[in-house]
Amino acid sequence: MEAMEIRCRKCSLPVKTTHTAKKLRCPRCHAEIPLHLNQNGIQENNTHSGRQRENQDQPNRSSGHESSTNRLSVAASLSYPATRKRALICGVTYTNQKYELKGTINDAHLMKDLLQKIYGFPEQTIRFLTEHAGTLPPTRKHMEEGMRWLVEGCQHGDSLVFYFAGHGLRRRDYDYDELDGYDETICPLDFATNGMILDNDINAMIVRPLVKGVKLHAIIDSCHSGTVLDLQHVYDDKLHKWKNNSPPNGANKSTKGGQAICLSACQDDQFALGCTAFTKSVIIGAMTYCFQHAVQKNPGLSYLDLLDSMEETMSKAYESRCISAKFFNRLLHRQINQETRLSSSQVFDINDRFML
């Protein structure tokens, strides 16, 4: 049967269909494309319906970045399966506080742009927490509400993303569920008054509720973030095998059949740095930039490709212009290294394709 090509009214993606099809769903933005026969019996888009849906659903995008990533998004989305997608993005700047960060707002916007343009996350399925006007601030209350929202009602086939850029700390573990004796934490905007969010709590909120067929990816750009989701398996890229990270006290950290995968900026005892080595003038998280660079360069890469690419880009930055790394090296009188850490709720083949 002869195929024809119709362009999605929402995202302009060319979609192939047959003359007998009555409706079509875009594989990138998932908008429904109504189809009708014209007076000559030829299939065509319903222009009015398409424009109406476009006005309702089209996310706000910066025209300056559209042309540079559109080709990648088209190439990638054609081979990605249609799934329900949801994301929570938290970029914490700690404005006017002594531990203020300059680059996390850039990280958050970069990640949102990447999720929309490369992986087809609709605007309305992304909860975006920053200190800029027009968004909810990333307080502990809002972050915890966001994490519960992220997994609420999740079902088979869902793809979920949790992204955090901000401070990360560690503290003594008094539950005996950590192999290294420390709990890892992330710091909301108001952590000085309302406390940090512990790895135990993150696990309870976004890992344990995952049912069979649901996949969560957490991307954490903060210090001491190696096992911040308390997942049972950690990949050792030097030995090329998974290592057991199960709690010594036997605590339940498992999902309900789903899978949680975490990409962390560094190991539990390491710092994560932001610098201008990648963009010359704009401060950005080293891990976030390396991640973005890898998936834009090769949207169909595997988890192993992703780790290798990020390590290569990170090494070049540290050897060249990363001012933050050089400052900390002098301050602490030792070499600061930042190694991306991959962990998972279950062992999988890292040659599998990376998809969000």
Protein backbone atom coordinates (compact mmCIF):
# COMPACT_ATOMS: atom_id res chain seq x y z
CA MET A 1 0.00 0.00 0.00
CA GLU A 2 1.35 3.39 -1.02
CA ALA A 3 2.56 5.57 1.83
CA MET A 4 2.27 9.33 2.04
CA GLU A 5 4.04 11.91 4.18
CA ILE A 6 2.21 14.45 6.36
CA ARG A 7 3.83 17.11 8.50
CA CYS A 8 2.74 17.38 12.16
CA ARG A 9 1.03 20.75 12.76
CA LYS A 10 2.54 21.00 16.25
CA CYS A 11 6.23 20.21 15.81
CA SER A 12 6.57 20.00 11.98
CA LEU A 13 7.89 16.44 12.06
CA PRO A 14 7.31 14.58 8.73
CA VAL A 15 5.18 11.48 9.51
CA LYS A 16 4.42 8.70 7.05
CA THR A 17 0.93 7.18 6.82
CA THR A 18 -1.34 5.38 4.35
CA HIS A 19 -4.27 6.72 2.35
CA THR A 20 -6.72 4.60 4.38
CA ALA A 21 -5.65 5.87 7.83
CA LYS A 22 -8.26 7.93 9.69
CA LYS A 23 -6.01 9.39 12.37
CA LEU A 24 -2.34 9.54 13.22
CA ARG A 25 -0.21 10.30 16.30
CA CYS A 26 3.11 12.14 15.98
CA PRO A 27 6.00 9.94 17.27
CA ARG A 28 7.88 13.00 18.60
CA CYS A 29 5.39 15.29 20.36
CA HIS A 30 2.54 12.71 20.53
CA ALA A 31 -0.03 15.20 19.20
CA GLU A 32 -2.96 13.58 17.39
CA ILE A 33 -3.09 14.44 13.67
CA PRO A 34 -6.70 14.20 12.34
CA LEU A 35 -6.90 13.08 8.73
CA HIS A 36 -9.69 13.64 6.19
CA LEU A 37 -10.35 12.94 2.52
CA ASN A 38 -10.59 15.99 0.26
CA GLN A 39 -12.97 16.27 -2.69
CA ASN A 40 -10.56 14.26 -4.84
CA GLY A 41 -10.44 11.39 -2.35
CA ILE A 42 -6.90 12.25 -1.24
CA GLN A 43 -5.88 12.20 2.43
CA GLU A 44 -5.05 15.57 3.98
CA ASN A 45 -4.63 17.26 7.36
CA ASN A 46 -7.53 19.03 8.98
CA THR A 47 -5.92 22.48 8.92
CA HIS A 48 -8.30 24.15 11.36
CA SER A 49 -8.06 21.35 13.91
CA GLY A 50 -4.29 21.18 13.58
CA ARG A 51 -3.81 24.91 14.10
CA GLN A 52 -6.18 24.92 17.04
CA ARG A 53 -4.24 22.14 18.74
CA GLU A 54 -0.97 23.89 17.92
CA ASN A 55 -2.12 27.07 19.65
CA GLN A 56 -3.15 25.09 22.72
CA ASP A 57 -0.17 22.80 23.07
CA GLN A 58 2.88 24.43 21.48
CA PRO A 59 5.58 24.99 24.15
CA ASN A 60 7.45 28.29 24.31
CA ARG A 61 10.85 27.84 22.71
CA SER A 62 13.78 30.09 22.06
CA SER A 63 14.11 30.58 18.32
CA GLY A 64 17.84 30.97 18.72
CA HIS A 65 18.29 27.31 19.60
CA GLU A 66 15.65 25.76 17.33
CA SER A 67 17.73 25.34 14.19
CA SER A 68 20.77 23.88 15.95
CA THR A 69 18.90 20.97 17.56
CA ASN A 70 15.93 20.38 15.24
CA ARG A 71 17.79 17.95 12.98
CA LEU A 72 18.89 15.91 15.98
CA SER A 73 15.40 15.85 17.49
CA VAL A 74 13.87 14.64 14.22
CA ALA A 75 16.48 11.91 13.78
CA ALA A 76 16.16 10.72 17.34
CA SER A 77 12.38 10.85 17.70
CA LEU A 78 11.66 8.76 14.62
CA SER A 79 13.09 5.69 16.35
CA TYR A 80 11.91 6.35 19.91
CA PRO A 81 8.75 4.48 20.99
CA ALA A 82 5.69 6.51 22.00
CA THR A 83 5.52 6.55 25.81
CA ARG A 84 3.99 8.61 28.55
CA LYS A 85 6.66 11.02 29.69
CA ARG A 86 7.01 13.12 32.83
CA ALA A 87 9.94 15.08 34.26
CA LEU A 88 10.85 17.05 37.38
CA ILE A 89 13.68 19.57 36.92
CA CYS A 90 15.15 21.36 39.94
CA GLY A 91 17.82 24.04 39.56
CA VAL A 92 18.75 25.57 42.91
CA THR A 93 20.78 28.80 42.90
CA TYR A 94 20.53 29.76 46.63
CA THR A 95 20.23 33.42 45.64
CA ASN A 96 21.78 35.94 48.06
CA GLN A 97 23.08 33.20 50.33
CA LYS A 98 26.74 32.65 51.12
CA TYR A 99 26.73 29.34 49.25
CA GLU A 100 25.08 30.80 46.11
CA LEU A 101 25.66 28.92 42.85
CA LYS A 102 25.88 30.77 39.53
CA GLY A 103 25.37 28.03 36.95
CA THR A 104 22.49 25.86 38.14
CA ILE A 105 19.79 27.97 36.49
CA ASN A 106 21.64 27.49 33.19
CA ASP A 107 21.81 23.75 33.86
CA ALA A 108 18.06 23.55 34.48
CA HIS A 109 17.15 25.40 31.28
CA LEU A 110 19.62 23.33 29.27
CA MET A 111 18.10 20.09 30.57
CA LYS A 112 14.54 21.22 29.88
CA ASP A 113 15.50 22.20 26.34
CA LEU A 114 17.17 18.84 25.79
CA LEU A 115 14.19 16.83 27.09
CA GLN A 116 11.81 18.70 24.82
CA LYS A 117 13.85 18.84 21.63
CA ILE A 118 15.71 15.54 21.68
CA TYR A 119 13.43 13.23 23.68
CA GLY A 120 10.01 14.71 22.91
CA PHE A 121 8.85 15.60 26.43
CA PRO A 122 5.78 17.85 26.11
CA GLU A 123 5.96 21.17 27.94
CA GLN A 124 2.96 20.34 30.11
CA THR A 125 4.58 17.16 31.45
CA ILE A 126 7.64 18.96 32.86
CA ARG A 127 7.55 20.46 36.35
CA PHE A 128 10.24 23.15 36.48
CA LEU A 129 11.47 24.46 39.85
CA THR A 130 13.87 27.43 39.91
CA GLU A 131 14.18 30.77 41.68
CA HIS A 132 13.28 32.75 38.57
CA ALA A 133 9.92 34.50 38.29
CA GLY A 134 7.14 32.40 36.84
CA THR A 135 8.19 29.10 38.42
CA LEU A 136 7.75 27.55 41.84
CA PRO A 137 10.90 27.90 43.99
CA PRO A 138 12.78 24.65 44.71
CA THR A 139 12.03 24.58 48.44
CA ARG A 140 11.98 21.29 50.29
CA LYS A 141 8.16 21.29 50.23
CA HIS A 142 7.95 21.89 46.48
CA MET A 143 10.71 19.41 45.65
CA GLU A 144 9.14 16.64 47.71
CA GLU A 145 5.70 17.38 46.25
CA GLY A 146 7.31 17.25 42.80
CA MET A 147 8.92 13.89 43.46
CA ARG A 148 5.60 12.40 44.58
CA TRP A 149 3.90 13.90 41.52
CA LEU A 150 6.57 12.41 39.25
CA VAL A 151 5.70 8.81 40.13
CA GLU A 152 2.03 9.21 41.03
CA GLY A 153 -0.12 6.83 39.00
CA CYS A 154 2.85 5.57 36.99
CA GLN A 155 2.09 2.62 34.75
CA HIS A 156 3.74 0.24 32.30
CA GLY A 157 5.58 2.08 29.52
CA ASP A 158 6.10 5.36 31.38
CA SER A 159 9.42 7.21 31.09
CA LEU A 160 10.20 9.46 34.07
CA VAL A 161 13.10 11.86 34.61
CA PHE A 162 14.30 13.53 37.80
CA TYR A 163 16.98 16.18 37.33
CA PHE A 164 18.68 18.09 40.15
CA ALA A 165 21.40 20.75 39.98
CA GLY A 166 22.47 22.23 43.29
CA HIS A 167 24.41 21.48 46.44
CA GLY A 168 24.86 17.95 47.69
CA LEU A 169 26.22 16.95 51.09
CA ARG A 170 26.73 13.84 53.16
CA ARG A 171 26.21 13.05 56.81
CA ARG A 172 26.78 10.17 59.20
CA ASP A 173 24.48 7.19 58.66
CA TYR A 174 22.71 6.11 61.85
CA ASP A 175 20.51 3.45 60.21
CA TYR A 176 23.39 1.19 59.14
CA ASP A 177 22.08 1.01 55.58
CA GLU A 178 25.14 2.57 53.91
CA LEU A 179 28.28 0.64 52.96
CA ASP A 180 30.47 3.73 53.44
CA GLY A 181 28.77 4.86 56.66
CA TYR A 182 27.35 8.08 55.16
CA ASP A 183 23.96 9.18 53.88
CA GLU A 184 24.06 11.30 50.73
CA THR A 185 21.76 14.32 50.47
CA ILE A 186 20.53 17.00 48.11
CA CYS A 187 19.96 20.55 49.34
CA PRO A 188 16.74 22.43 48.57
CA LEU A 189 16.66 26.20 48.53
CA ASP A 190 15.67 26.33 52.21
CA PHE A 191 17.81 23.46 53.49
CA ALA A 192 19.44 25.69 56.14
CA THR A 193 16.08 26.05 57.91
CA ASN A 194 14.02 23.08 56.72
CA GLY A 195 16.71 20.45 56.24
CA MET A 196 18.25 18.41 53.46
CA ILE A 197 16.54 15.61 51.54
CA LEU A 198 18.27 12.33 52.39
CA ASP A 199 18.97 9.47 50.01
CA ASN A 200 16.65 7.29 52.11
CA ASP A 201 13.78 9.72 51.47
CA ILE A 202 14.54 10.09 47.75
CA ASN A 203 14.49 6.29 47.43
CA ALA A 204 11.16 6.07 49.25
CA MET A 205 9.56 8.81 47.14
CA ILE A 206 10.69 8.02 43.58
CA VAL A 207 12.25 4.54 43.53
CA ARG A 208 10.09 2.23 45.62
CA PRO A 209 6.77 3.25 43.95
CA LEU A 210 7.95 2.24 40.44
CA VAL A 211 5.75 -0.55 39.09
CA LYS A 212 6.67 -3.06 36.39
CA GLY A 213 7.36 -1.52 32.99
CA VAL A 214 8.14 1.96 34.34
CA LYS A 215 11.64 3.39 33.89
CA LEU A 216 13.01 6.32 35.89
CA HIS A 217 16.22 8.13 35.02
CA ALA A 218 17.68 10.43 37.67
CA ILE A 219 20.41 12.85 36.56
CA ILE A 220 22.03 14.45 39.59
CA ASP A 221 24.59 17.24 39.17
CA SER A 222 25.76 17.79 42.74
CA CYS A 223 28.59 16.88 45.09
CA HIS A 224 28.61 13.49 46.85
CA SER A 225 25.86 12.19 44.57
CA GLY A 226 27.23 8.76 43.62
CA THR A 227 24.56 6.69 45.42
CA VAL A 228 22.05 9.41 46.21
CA LEU A 229 19.12 7.21 45.14
CA ASP A 230 20.35 4.25 47.23
CA LEU A 231 20.11 1.86 44.28
CA GLN A 232 21.33 -1.72 44.81
CA HIS A 233 23.82 -1.90 41.95
CA VAL A 234 26.69 0.45 41.03
CA TYR A 235 28.65 0.09 37.81
CA ASP A 236 32.45 -0.03 38.14
CA ASP A 237 33.77 1.35 34.85
CA LYS A 238 37.31 0.27 35.65
CA LEU A 239 36.42 -3.38 36.34
CA HIS A 240 33.58 -3.27 33.79
CA LYS A 241 31.07 -4.95 36.05
CA TRP A 242 28.22 -4.20 38.43
CA LYS A 243 28.98 -4.09 42.17
CA ASN A 244 26.53 -4.83 44.95
CA ASN A 245 25.39 -1.73 46.87
CA SER A 246 22.65 -3.38 48.92
CA PRO A 247 22.07 -1.99 52.44
CA PRO A 248 24.05 -3.88 55.11
CA ASN A 249 21.03 -3.86 57.42
CA GLY A 250 18.79 -5.52 54.83
CA ALA A 251 16.52 -2.50 54.37
CA ASN A 252 14.15 -2.66 51.40
CA LYS A 253 15.31 -0.22 48.70
CA SER A 254 13.72 -2.05 45.74
CA THR A 255 11.11 -0.95 43.25
CA LYS A 256 7.75 -2.64 42.72
CA GLY A 257 9.04 -4.16 39.49
CA GLY A 258 10.06 -1.01 37.63
CA GLN A 259 13.60 0.19 36.98
CA ALA A 260 15.45 3.19 38.38
CA ILE A 261 18.73 4.32 36.80
CA CYS A 262 20.84 7.16 38.15
CA LEU A 263 23.61 9.16 36.47
CA SER A 264 25.50 11.04 39.18
CA ALA A 265 28.02 13.82 38.69
CA CYS A 266 30.62 12.15 40.90
CA GLN A 267 31.28 9.45 43.44
CA ASP A 268 30.08 9.75 47.03
CA ASP A 269 33.38 11.16 48.27
CA GLN A 270 33.93 13.57 45.36
CA PHE A 271 32.99 17.16 44.47
CA ALA A 272 31.00 18.20 41.41
CA LEU A 273 32.16 21.42 39.83
CA GLY A 274 30.79 24.08 37.55
CA CYS A 275 33.03 26.09 35.25
CA THR A 276 33.31 28.07 32.03
CA ALA A 277 35.62 25.62 30.29
CA PHE A 278 32.85 24.49 27.94
CA THR A 279 31.14 27.77 27.08
CA LYS A 280 33.91 30.36 27.74
CA SER A 281 31.59 32.88 29.43
CA VAL A 282 28.54 31.04 30.82
CA ILE A 283 28.98 29.00 34.00
CA ILE A 284 27.51 25.52 33.65
CA GLY A 285 27.71 22.26 35.57
CA ALA A 286 30.48 20.07 34.20
CA MET A 287 28.39 16.92 34.37
CA THR A 288 25.31 18.55 32.81
CA TYR A 289 27.32 19.90 29.90
CA CYS A 290 29.05 16.57 29.28
CA PHE A 291 25.70 14.76 29.31
CA GLN A 292 24.10 17.22 26.92
CA HIS A 293 27.11 17.17 24.61
CA ALA A 294 27.06 13.37 24.44
CA VAL A 295 23.37 12.90 23.60
CA GLN A 296 23.27 15.74 21.07
CA LYS A 297 26.33 14.39 19.32
CA ASN A 298 24.88 10.86 19.15
CA PRO A 299 21.17 10.56 20.05
CA GLY A 300 21.24 6.78 19.57
CA LEU A 301 24.16 6.09 21.90
CA SER A 302 24.35 3.28 24.46
CA TYR A 303 24.89 3.69 28.20
CA LEU A 304 28.52 2.68 27.68
CA ASP A 305 28.90 5.26 24.89
CA LEU A 306 27.39 7.86 27.18
CA LEU A 307 29.81 7.14 30.03
CA ASP A 308 32.81 7.11 27.69
CA SER A 309 31.82 10.35 25.99
CA MET A 310 31.20 12.14 29.28
CA GLU A 311 34.53 10.98 30.69
CA GLU A 312 36.39 12.15 27.58
CA THR A 313 34.75 15.59 27.58
CA MET A 314 35.26 15.99 31.32
CA SER A 315 38.95 15.09 31.09
CA LYS A 316 39.55 17.65 28.35
CA ALA A 317 37.88 20.37 30.39
CA TYR A 318 39.84 19.63 33.54
CA GLU A 319 43.08 19.61 31.61
CA SER A 320 42.36 22.94 29.94
CA ARG A 321 40.28 25.79 31.30
CA CYS A 322 38.24 24.56 34.28
CA ILE A 323 38.98 27.38 36.75
CA SER A 324 36.91 25.83 39.55
CA ALA A 325 38.91 22.61 39.48
CA LYS A 326 42.24 24.46 39.61
CA PHE A 327 41.00 26.63 42.51
CA PHE A 328 39.91 23.63 44.57
CA ASN A 329 43.13 21.79 43.80
CA ARG A 330 45.11 24.70 45.30
CA LEU A 331 42.71 25.20 48.19
CA LEU A 332 42.64 21.56 49.30
CA HIS A 333 46.24 20.75 48.29
CA ARG A 334 45.13 17.68 46.37
CA GLN A 335 43.90 16.73 42.94
CA ILE A 336 40.14 17.06 42.48
CA ASN A 337 38.65 14.39 40.25
CA GLN A 338 35.04 14.08 39.13
CA GLU A 339 33.94 10.70 37.83
CA THR A 340 30.40 10.12 36.60
CA ARG A 341 28.73 7.28 38.48
CA LEU A 342 26.06 4.95 37.04
CA SER A 343 23.78 3.05 39.41
CA SER A 344 20.63 1.00 38.92
CA SER A 345 17.92 -0.87 40.80
CA GLN A 346 18.69 -3.89 38.64
CA VAL A 347 21.63 -5.14 36.61
CA PHE A 348 21.37 -4.45 32.87
CA ASP A 349 23.60 -4.56 29.79
CA ILE A 350 25.27 -1.14 29.49
CA ASN A 351 25.47 -1.71 25.74
CA ASP A 352 21.70 -1.17 25.72
CA ARG A 353 20.53 1.98 24.01
CA PHE A 354 20.13 5.03 26.26
CA MET A 355 16.60 6.41 25.99
CA LEU A 356 14.54 8.86 28.02
